[in-house]
Amino acid sequence: MAAVAKTKAKSSATRRRNTYEKRMASILEAAAKVIARNGFDGASVRDVAAEGNVGLSGIYYYFKSKDEVLYAIQHHAFSTLVERLRTKMDESATPEDKLKAVIDNHFQFFVNHTDEFRVCIHEIDSLSGKYYKGVLETRREYFRLVRSAVAEACRGTKDDIDQATLFLFGSLNWVYMWYDPERNADVDAMSSRFLQIFLNGINAL
């Protein structure tokens, strides 16, 4: 009987945790949409509540402030990018494959999380204090991972590799301005094209 009761309690706790995480994810999705549309300064918690069809008390149950909401969006985005890139790079056999994994990972995140991506691009410096510091190290880890892939695939000095990495980020972060999955090539084809341009230049296509 004790074992059955323990199992039921564990299942109940799991269901509560899953419900909690789903509701929080739903709020963050609504918040990302509102901030991407209105900007961080122009967005309000009330706007998020209306977009997510949840009461203000429901928002404040999960988050203390609008700043904490923005922190959660950015932390989730960069943590996801880092985690998925590590997995993809571990599965890559060659330096070129690792660099392709970088481009794939960034593109796929944009396609699947467009609003979150826009928020991270435009509101990267809207955080301050503990929230800024909380995201900064994950951002740096993402940069280090991407830079390591660039360093393996490209020749050059430290400055060359740093600049090439920043160039790659600049190119990838701009995709939200023009990429349309209905009109442009699919993610894999676009990633391959990006890779070849980055490594060999447009004339090599």
Protein backbone atom coordinates (compact mmCIF):
# COMPACT_ATOMS: atom_id res chain seq x y z
CA MET A 1 0.00 0.00 0.00
CA ALA A 2 2.81 2.38 0.88
CA ALA A 3 4.45 1.72 -2.48
CA VAL A 4 1.19 2.40 -4.33
CA ALA A 5 0.65 5.63 -2.42
CA LYS A 6 4.21 6.72 -3.17
CA THR A 7 3.75 5.99 -6.88
CA LYS A 8 0.49 7.97 -6.96
CA ALA A 9 2.11 10.90 -5.18
CA LYS A 10 5.00 10.86 -7.65
CA SER A 11 2.62 10.76 -10.63
CA SER A 12 0.61 13.64 -9.17
CA ALA A 13 3.77 15.70 -8.67
CA THR A 14 4.83 14.99 -12.25
CA ARG A 15 1.46 16.11 -13.59
CA ARG A 16 1.63 19.32 -11.56
CA ARG A 17 5.14 20.03 -12.80
CA ASN A 18 4.14 19.38 -16.41
CA THR A 19 1.12 21.67 -16.04
CA TYR A 20 3.30 24.36 -14.47
CA GLU A 21 5.88 24.17 -17.27
CA LYS A 22 3.23 24.22 -20.02
CA ARG A 23 1.54 27.29 -18.56
CA MET A 24 4.85 29.09 -18.15
CA ALA A 25 5.85 28.21 -21.72
CA SER A 26 2.51 29.54 -22.96
CA ILE A 27 3.06 32.83 -21.13
CA LEU A 28 6.56 33.18 -22.55
CA GLU A 29 5.29 32.50 -26.06
CA ALA A 30 2.70 35.25 -25.67
CA ALA A 31 5.29 37.59 -24.16
CA ALA A 32 7.73 36.99 -27.02
CA LYS A 33 4.99 37.80 -29.53
CA VAL A 34 4.06 41.03 -27.74
CA ILE A 35 7.66 42.21 -27.26
CA ALA A 36 8.61 41.31 -30.84
CA ARG A 37 5.65 43.38 -32.06
CA ASN A 38 5.75 46.35 -29.66
CA GLY A 39 9.32 46.40 -28.39
CA PHE A 40 10.23 45.86 -24.75
CA ASP A 41 9.54 49.46 -23.72
CA GLY A 42 6.22 49.45 -25.55
CA ALA A 43 5.04 46.14 -24.13
CA SER A 44 3.19 45.76 -20.84
CA VAL A 45 2.32 42.84 -18.61
CA ARG A 46 -1.32 43.60 -19.36
CA ASP A 47 -0.57 43.18 -23.10
CA VAL A 48 1.02 39.81 -22.40
CA ALA A 49 -1.98 38.73 -20.34
CA ALA A 50 -4.34 39.69 -23.15
CA GLU A 51 -2.22 37.93 -25.81
CA GLY A 52 -1.97 34.77 -23.72
CA ASN A 53 -5.59 34.89 -22.59
CA VAL A 54 -4.56 34.72 -18.95
CA GLY A 55 -5.24 36.98 -15.98
CA LEU A 56 -2.66 39.40 -14.62
CA SER A 57 -2.50 37.33 -11.45
CA GLY A 58 -1.57 34.35 -13.60
CA ILE A 59 1.40 36.26 -15.05
CA TYR A 60 2.60 37.40 -11.64
CA TYR A 61 2.29 33.89 -10.27
CA TYR A 62 5.16 32.90 -12.57
CA PHE A 63 7.10 36.14 -12.94
CA LYS A 64 7.80 39.07 -10.63
CA SER A 65 8.16 41.69 -13.34
CA LYS A 66 8.36 42.42 -17.06
CA ASP A 67 12.16 42.34 -16.73
CA GLU A 68 12.00 38.80 -15.42
CA VAL A 69 9.82 37.80 -18.36
CA LEU A 70 12.41 39.18 -20.80
CA TYR A 71 15.16 37.40 -18.90
CA ALA A 72 13.26 34.10 -19.14
CA ILE A 73 12.78 34.51 -22.91
CA GLN A 74 16.45 35.24 -23.52
CA HIS A 75 17.72 32.60 -21.12
CA HIS A 76 15.55 29.96 -22.75
CA ALA A 77 16.64 31.02 -26.24
CA PHE A 78 20.38 30.99 -25.63
CA SER A 79 20.27 27.87 -23.46
CA THR A 80 18.39 26.06 -26.22
CA LEU A 81 20.85 27.24 -28.86
CA VAL A 82 23.82 26.09 -26.75
CA GLU A 83 22.35 22.71 -25.83
CA ARG A 84 21.28 21.83 -29.37
CA LEU A 85 24.54 23.06 -30.90
CA ARG A 86 26.62 20.94 -28.54
CA THR A 87 24.64 17.87 -29.57
CA LYS A 88 24.90 18.67 -33.28
CA MET A 89 28.64 19.35 -33.07
CA ASP A 90 29.25 16.09 -31.17
CA GLU A 91 27.51 14.26 -34.02
CA SER A 92 29.56 16.06 -36.71
CA ALA A 93 32.48 14.20 -38.28
CA THR A 94 34.44 17.03 -39.93
CA PRO A 95 35.16 20.73 -39.29
CA GLU A 96 32.91 21.62 -42.23
CA ASP A 97 30.12 19.50 -40.75
CA LYS A 98 30.49 21.35 -37.43
CA LEU A 99 30.22 24.71 -39.16
CA LYS A 100 27.18 23.46 -41.06
CA ALA A 101 25.71 22.44 -37.70
CA VAL A 102 26.19 26.00 -36.43
CA ILE A 103 24.30 27.44 -39.38
CA ASP A 104 21.58 24.77 -39.25
CA ASN A 105 21.07 25.32 -35.54
CA HIS A 106 20.69 29.08 -35.85
CA PHE A 107 18.37 28.84 -38.85
CA GLN A 108 16.18 26.18 -37.26
CA PHE A 109 15.78 28.16 -34.08
CA PHE A 110 14.68 31.19 -36.09
CA VAL A 111 12.15 29.19 -38.12
CA ASN A 112 10.67 27.50 -35.03
CA HIS A 113 10.87 30.46 -32.62
CA THR A 114 10.58 33.56 -34.79
CA ASP A 115 9.27 35.91 -32.10
CA GLU A 116 11.79 34.71 -29.53
CA PHE A 117 14.56 35.18 -32.10
CA ARG A 118 13.46 38.75 -32.83
CA VAL A 119 13.34 39.56 -29.12
CA CYS A 120 16.88 38.30 -28.62
CA ILE A 121 18.18 40.34 -31.55
CA HIS A 122 16.47 43.63 -30.69
CA GLU A 123 16.31 43.47 -26.91
CA ILE A 124 19.74 42.03 -26.18
CA ASP A 125 20.70 45.10 -24.13
CA SER A 126 17.32 45.77 -22.53
CA LEU A 127 18.23 43.64 -19.53
CA SER A 128 20.30 45.01 -16.67
CA GLY A 129 21.70 43.95 -13.31
CA LYS A 130 21.28 40.34 -12.29
CA TYR A 131 19.12 39.53 -15.30
CA TYR A 132 21.76 40.77 -17.73
CA LYS A 133 24.49 38.85 -15.93
CA GLY A 134 22.29 35.76 -15.84
CA VAL A 135 22.09 35.67 -19.65
CA LEU A 136 25.58 36.99 -20.41
CA GLU A 137 27.52 33.80 -19.65
CA THR A 138 25.18 31.67 -21.78
CA ARG A 139 25.58 34.16 -24.63
CA ARG A 140 29.35 33.95 -24.23
CA GLU A 141 29.23 30.16 -24.22
CA TYR A 142 27.27 30.22 -27.46
CA PHE A 143 29.84 32.56 -29.00
CA ARG A 144 32.68 30.28 -27.86
CA LEU A 145 31.03 27.23 -29.42
CA VAL A 146 30.46 28.99 -32.73
CA ARG A 147 33.97 30.43 -32.72
CA SER A 148 35.47 26.99 -32.11
CA ALA A 149 33.66 25.68 -35.20
CA VAL A 150 34.89 28.63 -37.28
CA ALA A 151 38.46 28.11 -36.01
CA GLU A 152 38.43 24.44 -37.03
CA ALA A 153 37.05 25.13 -40.50
CA CYS A 154 38.99 28.29 -41.37
CA ARG A 155 42.63 29.34 -41.42
CA GLY A 156 43.80 32.65 -40.01
CA THR A 157 45.07 34.56 -37.03
CA LYS A 158 43.11 34.97 -33.79
CA ASP A 159 41.80 38.31 -35.04
CA ASP A 160 40.81 36.73 -38.36
CA ILE A 161 38.81 34.03 -36.59
CA ASP A 162 37.18 36.53 -34.23
CA GLN A 163 36.12 38.75 -37.12
CA ALA A 164 34.93 35.80 -39.20
CA THR A 165 32.81 34.62 -36.26
CA LEU A 166 31.26 38.06 -35.82
CA PHE A 167 30.64 38.24 -39.57
CA LEU A 168 28.85 34.89 -39.44
CA PHE A 169 26.68 36.00 -36.52
CA GLY A 170 25.83 39.22 -38.32
CA SER A 171 24.76 37.33 -41.43
CA LEU A 172 22.70 34.77 -39.53
CA ASN A 173 21.03 37.28 -37.24
CA TRP A 174 19.77 39.24 -40.25
CA VAL A 175 17.80 36.34 -41.71
CA TYR A 176 14.61 37.42 -39.95
CA MET A 177 14.51 40.46 -42.26
CA TRP A 178 14.25 38.45 -45.46
CA TYR A 179 13.83 34.70 -44.95
CA ASP A 180 10.39 33.36 -45.83
CA PRO A 181 10.02 29.56 -45.60
CA GLU A 182 7.24 29.67 -48.20
CA ARG A 183 9.33 31.49 -50.80
CA ASN A 184 12.95 30.62 -50.00
CA ALA A 185 14.76 27.30 -49.96
CA ASP A 186 14.25 24.98 -47.00
CA VAL A 187 16.50 25.27 -43.96
CA ASP A 188 18.95 22.56 -44.99
CA ALA A 189 19.41 23.94 -48.51
CA MET A 190 19.76 27.49 -47.20
CA SER A 191 22.30 26.37 -44.59
CA SER A 192 24.38 24.63 -47.25
CA ARG A 193 24.34 27.78 -49.36
CA PHE A 194 25.37 29.92 -46.40
CA LEU A 195 28.20 27.52 -45.61
CA GLN A 196 29.62 27.61 -49.13
CA ILE A 197 29.44 31.41 -49.33
CA PHE A 198 31.08 31.75 -45.94
CA LEU A 199 33.90 29.33 -46.74
CA ASN A 200 34.50 30.06 -50.44
CA GLY A 201 32.74 33.30 -51.41
CA ILE A 202 29.86 33.98 -53.77
CA ASN A 203 31.94 33.38 -56.91
CA ALA A 204 32.52 29.77 -55.93
CA LEU A 205 28.82 28.89 -56.19
